[in-house]
N, C-alpha and C. Protein backbone atom coordinates (compact mmCIF):
# COMPACT_ATOMS: atom_id res chain seq x y z
N MET A 1 -44.89 -8.83 2.66
CA MET A 1 -43.45 -8.35 2.36
C MET A 1 -43.31 -7.62 1.11
N ASP A 2 -42.70 -6.54 0.91
CA ASP A 2 -42.55 -5.80 -0.24
C ASP A 2 -41.51 -6.49 -1.05
N ASP A 3 -41.64 -6.50 -2.47
CA ASP A 3 -40.65 -7.04 -3.48
C ASP A 3 -39.56 -6.03 -3.36
N PHE A 4 -38.37 -6.47 -3.32
CA PHE A 4 -37.21 -5.59 -3.50
C PHE A 4 -36.90 -5.33 -4.93
N GLU A 5 -36.84 -4.05 -5.17
CA GLU A 5 -36.59 -3.51 -6.62
C GLU A 5 -35.14 -2.90 -6.62
N TYR A 6 -34.35 -3.47 -7.53
CA TYR A 6 -33.05 -2.84 -7.59
C TYR A 6 -32.98 -1.98 -9.01
N GLU A 7 -32.60 -0.71 -8.77
CA GLU A 7 -32.60 0.06 -9.99
C GLU A 7 -31.08 0.11 -10.43
N LEU A 8 -30.76 -0.33 -11.82
CA LEU A 8 -29.53 -0.26 -12.30
C LEU A 8 -28.93 0.99 -12.39
N ASP A 9 -27.68 1.19 -11.97
CA ASP A 9 -27.10 2.48 -12.10
C ASP A 9 -26.32 2.41 -13.43
N GLU A 10 -25.46 3.58 -13.70
CA GLU A 10 -24.78 3.57 -14.87
C GLU A 10 -23.73 2.56 -15.13
N GLN A 11 -22.92 2.21 -13.87
CA GLN A 11 -22.05 1.16 -14.09
C GLN A 11 -22.72 -0.24 -14.41
N ASP A 12 -23.79 -0.48 -13.68
CA ASP A 12 -24.56 -1.76 -13.97
C ASP A 12 -24.90 -1.80 -15.43
N LEU A 13 -25.30 -0.73 -16.06
CA LEU A 13 -25.68 -0.71 -17.41
C LEU A 13 -24.64 -1.04 -18.31
N ARG A 14 -23.42 -0.28 -17.94
CA ARG A 14 -22.22 -0.44 -18.83
C ARG A 14 -21.76 -1.98 -18.81
N ILE A 15 -21.85 -2.60 -17.65
CA ILE A 15 -21.46 -3.95 -17.51
C ILE A 15 -22.31 -4.94 -18.23
N GLN A 16 -23.61 -4.48 -18.11
CA GLN A 16 -24.71 -5.40 -18.72
C GLN A 16 -24.51 -5.29 -20.30
N GLU A 17 -24.20 -4.10 -20.86
CA GLU A 17 -24.01 -3.88 -22.25
C GLU A 17 -22.81 -4.71 -22.76
N ILE A 18 -21.78 -4.79 -21.91
CA ILE A 18 -20.50 -5.51 -22.30
C ILE A 18 -20.76 -7.10 -22.52
N LEU A 19 -21.60 -7.50 -21.41
CA LEU A 19 -21.75 -8.83 -21.27
C LEU A 19 -23.19 -9.53 -22.03
N LYS A 20 -23.80 -8.54 -22.67
CA LYS A 20 -25.09 -8.87 -23.31
C LYS A 20 -25.01 -10.24 -24.10
N GLY A 21 -25.96 -11.08 -23.87
CA GLY A 21 -25.93 -12.21 -24.63
C GLY A 21 -25.36 -13.53 -24.15
N ILE A 22 -24.56 -13.33 -22.92
CA ILE A 22 -23.83 -14.42 -22.41
C ILE A 22 -24.53 -14.89 -21.11
N SER A 23 -24.78 -16.05 -20.93
CA SER A 23 -25.32 -16.46 -19.73
C SER A 23 -24.48 -16.32 -18.50
N GLU A 24 -25.10 -15.91 -17.49
CA GLU A 24 -24.30 -15.66 -16.14
C GLU A 24 -23.56 -16.91 -15.60
N ASP A 25 -23.97 -18.13 -16.21
CA ASP A 25 -23.38 -19.33 -15.81
C ASP A 25 -22.28 -19.82 -16.49
N ASP A 26 -21.98 -19.04 -17.67
CA ASP A 26 -20.85 -19.45 -18.64
C ASP A 26 -19.58 -18.56 -18.23
N GLU A 27 -18.96 -18.78 -17.16
CA GLU A 27 -17.83 -17.99 -16.66
C GLU A 27 -16.82 -17.77 -17.65
N MET A 28 -16.47 -18.88 -18.41
CA MET A 28 -15.41 -18.77 -19.22
C MET A 28 -15.67 -17.75 -20.50
N LYS A 29 -16.93 -17.84 -20.93
CA LYS A 29 -17.28 -16.91 -22.19
C LYS A 29 -17.40 -15.49 -21.56
N LEU A 30 -17.83 -15.36 -20.26
CA LEU A 30 -17.75 -14.02 -19.65
C LEU A 30 -16.40 -13.49 -19.67
N PHE A 31 -15.51 -14.38 -19.15
CA PHE A 31 -14.02 -13.81 -19.22
C PHE A 31 -13.47 -13.65 -20.53
N GLU A 32 -13.88 -14.37 -21.53
CA GLU A 32 -13.55 -14.15 -22.87
C GLU A 32 -14.07 -12.80 -23.50
N ARG A 33 -15.32 -12.51 -23.16
CA ARG A 33 -15.86 -11.27 -23.63
C ARG A 33 -15.19 -10.06 -22.89
N TRP A 34 -14.95 -10.18 -21.56
CA TRP A 34 -14.07 -9.09 -20.89
C TRP A 34 -12.72 -8.98 -21.56
N ASN A 35 -11.96 -10.01 -21.76
CA ASN A 35 -10.68 -10.07 -22.24
C ASN A 35 -10.68 -9.25 -23.63
N ASN A 36 -11.47 -9.82 -24.50
CA ASN A 36 -11.67 -9.07 -25.84
C ASN A 36 -11.97 -7.56 -25.73
N TYR A 37 -12.99 -7.31 -24.97
CA TYR A 37 -13.37 -5.97 -24.88
C TYR A 37 -12.39 -5.11 -24.24
N LEU A 38 -11.52 -5.57 -23.24
CA LEU A 38 -10.53 -4.75 -22.83
C LEU A 38 -9.23 -4.52 -23.77
N VAL A 39 -9.00 -5.52 -24.49
CA VAL A 39 -8.04 -5.59 -25.43
C VAL A 39 -8.44 -4.47 -26.58
N GLU A 40 -9.75 -4.45 -26.99
CA GLU A 40 -10.12 -3.49 -27.97
C GLU A 40 -10.29 -2.00 -27.48
N ASN A 41 -10.48 -1.85 -26.22
CA ASN A 41 -10.95 -0.45 -25.73
C ASN A 41 -10.00 0.24 -24.76
N LEU A 42 -8.97 -0.52 -24.23
CA LEU A 42 -8.07 0.17 -23.38
C LEU A 42 -6.97 0.88 -24.26
N GLU A 43 -6.49 1.90 -23.77
CA GLU A 43 -5.29 2.65 -24.36
C GLU A 43 -4.10 2.32 -23.54
N PHE A 44 -3.20 1.61 -24.32
CA PHE A 44 -1.89 1.18 -23.73
C PHE A 44 -0.74 2.10 -24.02
N PRO A 45 0.25 2.23 -23.30
CA PRO A 45 0.48 1.79 -21.88
C PRO A 45 -0.21 2.76 -20.91
N PHE A 46 -0.49 2.28 -19.66
CA PHE A 46 -1.05 3.05 -18.60
C PHE A 46 -0.60 2.63 -17.34
N GLU A 47 -0.55 3.62 -16.29
CA GLU A 47 -0.23 3.31 -15.04
C GLU A 47 -1.27 2.95 -14.12
N VAL A 48 -1.09 2.00 -13.15
CA VAL A 48 -2.16 1.58 -12.22
C VAL A 48 -1.34 1.42 -10.97
N GLU A 49 -2.16 1.43 -9.86
CA GLU A 49 -1.80 1.19 -8.56
C GLU A 49 -2.37 -0.26 -8.12
N ILE A 50 -1.47 -1.04 -7.49
CA ILE A 50 -2.00 -2.39 -6.92
C ILE A 50 -2.86 -1.94 -5.83
N SER A 51 -4.14 -2.33 -5.87
CA SER A 51 -5.05 -1.87 -4.83
C SER A 51 -5.50 -3.00 -3.92
N GLU A 52 -5.13 -4.22 -4.14
CA GLU A 52 -5.45 -5.34 -3.30
C GLU A 52 -4.18 -6.05 -2.63
N TRP A 53 -4.26 -6.41 -1.48
CA TRP A 53 -3.32 -7.05 -0.75
C TRP A 53 -2.82 -8.37 -1.48
N GLN A 54 -1.50 -8.60 -1.70
CA GLN A 54 -1.08 -9.63 -2.54
C GLN A 54 -0.37 -10.63 -1.52
N GLU A 55 -0.83 -11.87 -1.51
CA GLU A 55 -0.31 -12.86 -0.66
C GLU A 55 1.12 -13.43 -0.99
N ARG A 56 1.23 -13.41 -2.33
CA ARG A 56 2.61 -13.90 -2.79
C ARG A 56 3.13 -13.01 -3.90
N GLY A 57 4.45 -13.28 -4.28
CA GLY A 57 4.98 -12.49 -5.55
C GLY A 57 5.66 -11.14 -5.00
N PRO A 58 6.48 -10.72 -6.01
CA PRO A 58 7.23 -9.41 -5.61
C PRO A 58 6.39 -8.16 -5.72
N LEU A 59 5.26 -8.16 -6.34
CA LEU A 59 4.48 -6.89 -6.39
C LEU A 59 3.43 -6.86 -5.29
N LYS A 60 3.49 -5.70 -4.61
CA LYS A 60 2.73 -5.47 -3.33
C LYS A 60 1.67 -4.35 -3.46
N GLU A 61 0.68 -4.40 -2.58
CA GLU A 61 -0.34 -3.36 -2.48
C GLU A 61 0.42 -2.08 -2.48
N GLY A 62 -0.02 -1.06 -3.23
CA GLY A 62 0.42 0.31 -3.18
C GLY A 62 1.50 0.61 -4.27
N TYR A 63 2.14 -0.50 -4.85
CA TYR A 63 3.14 -0.30 -5.86
C TYR A 63 2.34 0.35 -7.22
N ILE A 64 3.13 1.17 -7.90
CA ILE A 64 2.66 1.75 -9.06
C ILE A 64 3.24 0.93 -10.18
N ILE A 65 2.62 0.32 -11.10
CA ILE A 65 3.15 -0.52 -12.16
C ILE A 65 2.53 -0.04 -13.47
N ASN A 66 3.16 -0.42 -14.63
CA ASN A 66 2.76 0.00 -15.94
C ASN A 66 2.14 -1.25 -16.67
N VAL A 67 0.97 -0.90 -17.25
CA VAL A 67 0.21 -1.99 -17.96
C VAL A 67 0.67 -1.83 -19.46
N LEU A 68 1.18 -2.80 -20.10
CA LEU A 68 1.61 -2.70 -21.46
C LEU A 68 0.60 -3.36 -22.43
N SER A 69 -0.12 -4.46 -21.93
CA SER A 69 -1.07 -5.15 -22.86
C SER A 69 -1.72 -6.15 -22.05
N ILE A 70 -2.80 -6.81 -22.63
CA ILE A 70 -3.49 -7.85 -22.06
C ILE A 70 -2.88 -9.10 -22.28
N ASP A 71 -2.51 -10.06 -21.39
CA ASP A 71 -1.98 -11.37 -21.57
C ASP A 71 -2.96 -12.33 -21.89
N ASP A 72 -3.99 -12.63 -21.18
CA ASP A 72 -5.08 -13.65 -21.39
C ASP A 72 -5.97 -13.70 -20.11
N PHE A 73 -6.75 -14.61 -20.11
CA PHE A 73 -7.57 -14.76 -18.85
C PHE A 73 -7.51 -16.18 -18.40
N TYR A 74 -7.76 -16.18 -17.11
CA TYR A 74 -7.47 -17.52 -16.36
C TYR A 74 -8.73 -17.58 -15.34
N ASP A 75 -9.22 -18.73 -15.12
CA ASP A 75 -10.40 -18.92 -14.20
C ASP A 75 -10.19 -18.51 -12.90
N LEU A 76 -8.96 -18.67 -12.38
CA LEU A 76 -8.68 -18.21 -10.95
C LEU A 76 -8.41 -16.69 -10.86
N TYR A 77 -7.71 -16.12 -11.83
CA TYR A 77 -7.31 -14.75 -11.73
C TYR A 77 -8.04 -13.80 -12.55
N GLY A 78 -8.82 -14.27 -13.59
CA GLY A 78 -9.46 -13.44 -14.41
C GLY A 78 -8.59 -12.87 -15.52
N VAL A 79 -8.79 -11.70 -16.03
CA VAL A 79 -7.97 -11.14 -17.02
C VAL A 79 -6.68 -10.68 -16.36
N VAL A 80 -5.62 -10.94 -17.09
CA VAL A 80 -4.36 -10.82 -16.55
C VAL A 80 -3.57 -10.05 -17.64
N ALA A 81 -2.74 -9.01 -17.09
CA ALA A 81 -2.06 -8.01 -17.96
C ALA A 81 -0.55 -8.26 -17.94
N ASN A 82 0.08 -7.82 -18.91
CA ASN A 82 1.54 -7.85 -19.13
C ASN A 82 1.93 -6.45 -18.41
N VAL A 83 2.72 -6.41 -17.37
CA VAL A 83 3.02 -5.16 -16.72
C VAL A 83 4.56 -5.07 -16.51
N THR A 84 5.04 -3.98 -16.24
CA THR A 84 6.38 -3.78 -15.80
C THR A 84 6.51 -2.96 -14.39
N TYR A 85 7.56 -3.37 -13.66
CA TYR A 85 7.79 -2.67 -12.38
C TYR A 85 9.31 -2.64 -12.24
N LYS A 86 9.73 -1.45 -12.14
CA LYS A 86 11.41 -1.39 -12.20
C LYS A 86 12.05 -2.25 -13.12
N ARG A 87 11.67 -1.96 -14.39
CA ARG A 87 12.30 -2.56 -15.52
C ARG A 87 12.13 -4.11 -15.61
N LYS A 88 11.44 -4.64 -14.76
CA LYS A 88 11.03 -6.09 -14.76
C LYS A 88 9.68 -6.49 -15.35
N LYS A 89 9.48 -7.43 -15.98
CA LYS A 89 8.16 -7.74 -16.60
C LYS A 89 7.49 -8.89 -15.79
N TYR A 90 6.08 -8.68 -15.59
CA TYR A 90 5.46 -9.63 -14.84
C TYR A 90 3.98 -9.69 -15.45
N ASN A 91 3.28 -10.79 -14.98
CA ASN A 91 1.86 -10.84 -15.34
C ASN A 91 1.06 -10.47 -14.17
N PHE A 92 -0.01 -9.77 -14.30
CA PHE A 92 -0.71 -9.44 -13.04
C PHE A 92 -2.23 -9.17 -13.33
N PRO A 93 -3.15 -9.77 -12.39
CA PRO A 93 -4.46 -9.66 -12.65
C PRO A 93 -5.05 -8.23 -12.46
N LEU A 94 -5.88 -7.86 -13.48
CA LEU A 94 -6.52 -6.44 -13.61
C LEU A 94 -7.46 -6.26 -12.49
N CYS A 95 -7.98 -7.28 -11.90
CA CYS A 95 -8.96 -7.18 -10.77
C CYS A 95 -8.34 -6.47 -9.60
N ASP A 96 -7.05 -6.57 -9.42
CA ASP A 96 -6.45 -6.07 -8.34
C ASP A 96 -5.73 -4.70 -8.36
N VAL A 97 -6.17 -4.05 -9.50
CA VAL A 97 -5.44 -2.77 -9.67
C VAL A 97 -6.45 -1.57 -9.88
N GLU A 98 -6.06 -0.40 -9.67
CA GLU A 98 -6.79 0.92 -9.98
C GLU A 98 -6.04 1.82 -10.96
N VAL A 99 -6.55 2.34 -12.00
CA VAL A 99 -5.92 3.26 -12.80
C VAL A 99 -5.56 4.56 -12.08
N ILE A 100 -4.48 5.10 -12.39
CA ILE A 100 -3.93 6.24 -11.60
C ILE A 100 -4.71 7.43 -12.08
N ASP A 101 -4.79 7.64 -13.50
CA ASP A 101 -5.46 8.79 -13.99
C ASP A 101 -7.09 8.54 -14.14
N LYS A 102 -7.62 9.08 -12.97
CA LYS A 102 -9.02 8.79 -12.82
C LYS A 102 -10.01 9.47 -13.92
N LYS A 103 -9.40 10.38 -14.74
CA LYS A 103 -10.13 11.04 -15.83
C LYS A 103 -9.99 10.25 -17.18
N SER A 104 -9.10 9.22 -17.21
CA SER A 104 -8.98 8.53 -18.51
C SER A 104 -10.12 7.49 -18.63
N LYS A 105 -10.41 7.12 -19.95
CA LYS A 105 -11.46 6.08 -20.03
C LYS A 105 -10.93 4.69 -19.48
N ASN A 106 -9.68 4.52 -19.49
CA ASN A 106 -9.20 3.30 -18.87
C ASN A 106 -9.60 3.12 -17.44
N TYR A 107 -9.84 4.29 -16.70
CA TYR A 107 -10.22 4.14 -15.34
C TYR A 107 -11.56 3.51 -15.20
N ALA A 108 -12.59 3.93 -15.88
CA ALA A 108 -13.99 3.29 -15.73
C ALA A 108 -13.94 1.80 -16.28
N LEU A 109 -13.13 1.61 -17.44
CA LEU A 109 -13.04 0.17 -17.88
C LEU A 109 -12.63 -0.65 -16.83
N ILE A 110 -11.47 -0.32 -16.24
CA ILE A 110 -10.80 -1.19 -15.19
C ILE A 110 -11.56 -1.41 -14.02
N TYR A 111 -12.31 -0.10 -13.65
CA TYR A 111 -13.08 -0.26 -12.47
C TYR A 111 -14.27 -1.20 -12.62
N ASP A 112 -14.99 -0.94 -13.77
CA ASP A 112 -16.07 -1.80 -14.17
C ASP A 112 -15.75 -3.28 -14.11
N TYR A 113 -14.72 -3.67 -14.64
CA TYR A 113 -14.20 -5.13 -14.78
C TYR A 113 -13.96 -5.50 -13.34
N ALA A 114 -13.25 -4.74 -12.47
CA ALA A 114 -12.97 -5.19 -11.14
C ALA A 114 -14.22 -5.38 -10.23
N VAL A 115 -15.20 -4.48 -10.47
CA VAL A 115 -16.47 -4.55 -9.64
C VAL A 115 -17.21 -5.93 -10.19
N TRP A 116 -17.20 -6.09 -11.53
CA TRP A 116 -17.84 -7.25 -12.03
C TRP A 116 -17.07 -8.52 -11.37
N PHE A 117 -15.74 -8.59 -11.59
CA PHE A 117 -14.98 -9.70 -10.97
C PHE A 117 -15.27 -10.02 -9.62
N ALA A 118 -15.43 -9.01 -8.73
CA ALA A 118 -15.66 -9.16 -7.26
C ALA A 118 -17.11 -9.63 -6.94
N ASN A 119 -18.07 -9.39 -7.89
CA ASN A 119 -19.26 -9.73 -7.63
C ASN A 119 -19.93 -10.82 -8.51
N ARG A 120 -19.13 -11.41 -9.17
CA ARG A 120 -19.66 -12.49 -10.28
C ARG A 120 -20.00 -13.66 -9.48
């Protein structure tokens, strides 16, 4: 049987660079690194669309919300942002959104994080 070789693509390399030096088993450290990296590199505020079905809460898939800042990270939800929708403030997980402006650097940052979160 042939050994399977997986070639890292650009996204894999970006994620690997962000998480360099942290064990894959240390989930809290990984979340802390993502949290700090996103705080330092995202340009606030920015618009996102909720891309995942939501079981609970007032915010639903397809809604356009504004991300104002990063709140913190939680083991169940990952990195959570402070957002607004129709003048009301909420906390919302970044793994469930997609940046509207696909040409902004925020798009790749949030997409990389969401891919990592889904595959961790």
